[in-house]
Amino acid sequence: MATKKVPAKGGRPTNDSVSFELTGVEPKLLDYLQDLVDMQGFGGSKSAVARNFIWMEVNRLIEVHRLKER
Protein backbone atom coordinates (compact mmCIF):
# COMPACT_ATOMS: atom_id res chain seq x y z
CA MET A 1 0.00 0.00 0.00
CA ALA A 2 1.38 3.40 -0.93
CA THR A 3 -0.01 6.72 0.20
CA LYS A 4 1.01 10.18 -0.93
CA LYS A 5 -0.11 13.69 -0.05
CA VAL A 6 -1.41 15.50 -3.10
CA PRO A 7 -0.92 19.27 -3.25
CA ALA A 8 -3.89 21.60 -3.58
CA LYS A 9 -4.75 22.53 -7.15
CA GLY A 10 -2.03 24.80 -8.45
CA GLY A 11 0.11 24.11 -5.39
CA ARG A 12 3.65 22.84 -5.35
CA PRO A 13 4.32 19.14 -4.73
CA THR A 14 5.49 18.37 -1.22
CA ASN A 15 8.64 16.51 -0.25
CA ASP A 16 6.75 14.58 2.41
CA SER A 17 7.66 10.94 2.81
CA VAL A 18 5.42 8.32 1.31
CA SER A 19 4.38 5.26 3.27
CA PHE A 20 4.91 2.10 1.27
CA GLU A 21 4.09 -1.42 2.41
CA LEU A 22 5.39 -4.57 0.72
CA THR A 23 3.44 -7.77 1.07
CA GLY A 24 4.43 -11.28 0.10
CA VAL A 25 8.13 -10.73 0.79
CA GLU A 26 9.95 -14.03 1.23
CA PRO A 27 11.50 -14.61 4.66
CA LYS A 28 14.88 -15.21 2.97
CA LEU A 29 14.82 -11.68 1.48
CA LEU A 30 14.00 -10.19 4.88
CA ASP A 31 16.93 -12.15 6.34
CA TYR A 32 19.27 -10.74 3.67
CA LEU A 33 18.04 -7.21 4.39
CA GLN A 34 18.69 -7.73 8.11
CA ASP A 35 22.19 -9.05 7.30
CA LEU A 36 22.89 -5.81 5.41
CA VAL A 37 21.61 -3.73 8.34
CA ASP A 38 23.89 -5.69 10.68
CA MET A 39 26.89 -5.17 8.35
CA GLN A 40 26.32 -1.40 8.47
CA GLY A 41 26.93 0.96 5.58
CA PHE A 42 23.77 0.03 3.66
CA GLY A 43 21.16 1.62 5.95
CA GLY A 44 20.08 1.56 9.56
CA SER A 45 16.89 -0.44 8.99
CA LYS A 46 15.50 -2.94 6.51
CA SER A 47 13.38 -0.15 5.05
CA ALA A 48 16.42 2.10 4.59
CA VAL A 49 18.41 -0.70 2.93
CA ALA A 50 15.55 -1.47 0.55
CA ARG A 51 15.10 2.25 -0.23
CA ASN A 52 18.83 2.61 -1.02
CA PHE A 53 18.76 -0.38 -3.37
CA ILE A 54 15.63 0.91 -5.09
CA TRP A 55 17.30 4.28 -5.66
CA MET A 56 20.42 2.60 -7.05
CA GLU A 57 18.32 0.72 -9.60
CA VAL A 58 16.25 3.79 -10.50
CA ASN A 59 19.47 5.74 -11.09
CA ARG A 60 20.87 2.92 -13.21
CA LEU A 61 17.71 2.86 -15.33
CA ILE A 62 17.99 6.63 -15.80
CA GLU A 63 21.62 6.24 -16.91
CA VAL A 64 20.72 3.66 -19.56
CA HIS A 65 17.75 5.81 -20.69
CA ARG A 66 15.11 3.30 -19.68
CA LEU A 67 13.57 5.93 -17.39
CA LYS A 68 13.22 9.65 -18.01
CA GLU A 69 14.89 11.80 -15.37
CA ARG A 70 12.49 13.97 -13.37
C-alpha atoms as a PDB file:
ATOM      1  CA  MET A   1       0.000   0.000   0.000  1.00  0.00           C
ATOM      2  CA  ALA A   2       1.379   3.404  -0.927  1.00  0.00           C
ATOM      3  CA  THR A   3      -0.006   6.717   0.196  1.00  0.00           C
ATOM      4  CA  LYS A   4       1.013  10.183  -0.926  1.00  0.00           C
ATOM      5  CA  LYS A   5      -0.110  13.687  -0.047  1.00  0.00           C
ATOM      6  CA  VAL A   6      -1.412  15.504  -3.097  1.00  0.00           C
ATOM      7  CA  PRO A   7      -0.925  19.273  -3.254  1.00  0.00           C
ATOM      8  CA  ALA A   8      -3.890  21.597  -3.583  1.00  0.00           C
ATOM      9  CA  LYS A   9      -4.747  22.526  -7.150  1.00  0.00           C
ATOM     10  CA  GLY A  10      -2.033  24.799  -8.451  1.00  0.00           C
ATOM     11  CA  GLY A  11       0.115  24.113  -5.385  1.00  0.00           C
ATOM     12  CA  ARG A  12       3.646  22.842  -5.353  1.00  0.00           C
ATOM     13  CA  PRO A  13       4.318  19.144  -4.733  1.00  0.00           C
ATOM     14  CA  THR A  14       5.485  18.374  -1.219  1.00  0.00           C
ATOM     15  CA  ASN A  15       8.638  16.507  -0.247  1.00  0.00           C
ATOM     16  CA  ASP A  16       6.753  14.576   2.413  1.00  0.00           C
ATOM     17  CA  SER A  17       7.658  10.939   2.814  1.00  0.00           C
ATOM     18  CA  VAL A  18       5.422   8.319   1.309  1.00  0.00           C
ATOM     19  CA  SER A  19       4.384   5.265   3.270  1.00  0.00           C
ATOM     20  CA  PHE A  20       4.913   2.098   1.270  1.00  0.00           C
ATOM     21  CA  GLU A  21       4.091  -1.424   2.409  1.00  0.00           C
ATOM     22  CA  LEU A  22       5.387  -4.567   0.722  1.00  0.00           C
ATOM     23  CA  THR A  23       3.438  -7.772   1.071  1.00  0.00           C
ATOM     24  CA  GLY A  24       4.431 -11.283   0.104  1.00  0.00           C
ATOM     25  CA  VAL A  25       8.134 -10.735   0.793  1.00  0.00           C
ATOM     26  CA  GLU A  26       9.954 -14.026   1.226  1.00  0.00           C
ATOM     27  CA  PRO A  27      11.502 -14.612   4.663  1.00  0.00           C
ATOM     28  CA  LYS A  28      14.876 -15.210   2.966  1.00  0.00           C
ATOM     29  CA  LEU A  29      14.817 -11.683   1.480  1.00  0.00           C
ATOM     30  CA  LEU A  30      14.001 -10.189   4.884  1.00  0.00           C
ATOM     31  CA  ASP A  31      16.929 -12.153   6.344  1.00  0.00           C
ATOM     32  CA  TYR A  32      19.271 -10.737   3.671  1.00  0.00           C
ATOM     33  CA  LEU A  33      18.038  -7.213   4.387  1.00  0.00           C
ATOM     34  CA  GLN A  34      18.689  -7.728   8.107  1.00  0.00           C
ATOM     35  CA  ASP A  35      22.186  -9.050   7.295  1.00  0.00           C
ATOM     36  CA  LEU A  36      22.893  -5.811   5.406  1.00  0.00           C
ATOM     37  CA  VAL A  37      21.608  -3.731   8.341  1.00  0.00           C
ATOM     38  CA  ASP A  38      23.890  -5.687  10.683  1.00  0.00           C
ATOM     39  CA  MET A  39      26.886  -5.172   8.348  1.00  0.00           C
ATOM     40  CA  GLN A  40      26.317  -1.396   8.467  1.00  0.00           C
ATOM     41  CA  GLY A  41      26.934   0.962   5.585  1.00  0.00           C
ATOM     42  CA  PHE A  42      23.772   0.033   3.664  1.00  0.00           C
ATOM     43  CA  GLY A  43      21.159   1.617   5.949  1.00  0.00           C
ATOM     44  CA  GLY A  44      20.079   1.557   9.564  1.00  0.00           C
ATOM     45  CA  SER A  45      16.890  -0.439   8.988  1.00  0.00           C
ATOM     46  CA  LYS A  46      15.498  -2.943   6.513  1.00  0.00           C
ATOM     47  CA  SER A  47      13.385  -0.147   5.048  1.00  0.00           C
ATOM     48  CA  ALA A  48      16.425   2.101   4.590  1.00  0.00           C
ATOM     49  CA  VAL A  49      18.410  -0.700   2.935  1.00  0.00           C
ATOM     50  CA  ALA A  50      15.551  -1.469   0.553  1.00  0.00           C
ATOM     51  CA  ARG A  51      15.101   2.245  -0.234  1.00  0.00           C
ATOM     52  CA  ASN A  52      18.826   2.605  -1.020  1.00  0.00           C
ATOM     53  CA  PHE A  53      18.758  -0.378  -3.367  1.00  0.00           C
ATOM     54  CA  ILE A  54      15.628   0.909  -5.091  1.00  0.00           C
ATOM     55  CA  TRP A  55      17.302   4.280  -5.660  1.00  0.00           C
ATOM     56  CA  MET A  56      20.420   2.597  -7.050  1.00  0.00           C
ATOM     57  CA  GLU A  57      18.325   0.716  -9.598  1.00  0.00           C
ATOM     58  CA  VAL A  58      16.252   3.786 -10.502  1.00  0.00           C
ATOM     59  CA  ASN A  59      19.466   5.738 -11.086  1.00  0.00           C
ATOM     60  CA  ARG A  60      20.866   2.917 -13.213  1.00  0.00           C
ATOM     61  CA  LEU A  61      17.711   2.855 -15.331  1.00  0.00           C
ATOM     62  CA  ILE A  62      17.989   6.631 -15.804  1.00  0.00           C
ATOM     63  CA  GLU A  63      21.616   6.235 -16.909  1.00  0.00           C
ATOM     64  CA  VAL A  64      20.717   3.656 -19.562  1.00  0.00           C
ATOM     65  CA  HIS A  65      17.751   5.807 -20.692  1.00  0.00           C
ATOM     66  CA  ARG A  66      15.107   3.298 -19.679  1.00  0.00           C
ATOM     67  CA  LEU A  67      13.566   5.932 -17.388  1.00  0.00           C
ATOM     68  CA  LYS A  68      13.224   9.648 -18.014  1.00  0.00           C
ATOM     69  CA  GLU A  69      14.892  11.801 -15.366  1.00  0.00           C
ATOM     70  CA  ARG A  70      12.486  13.970 -13.371  1.00  0.00           C
END
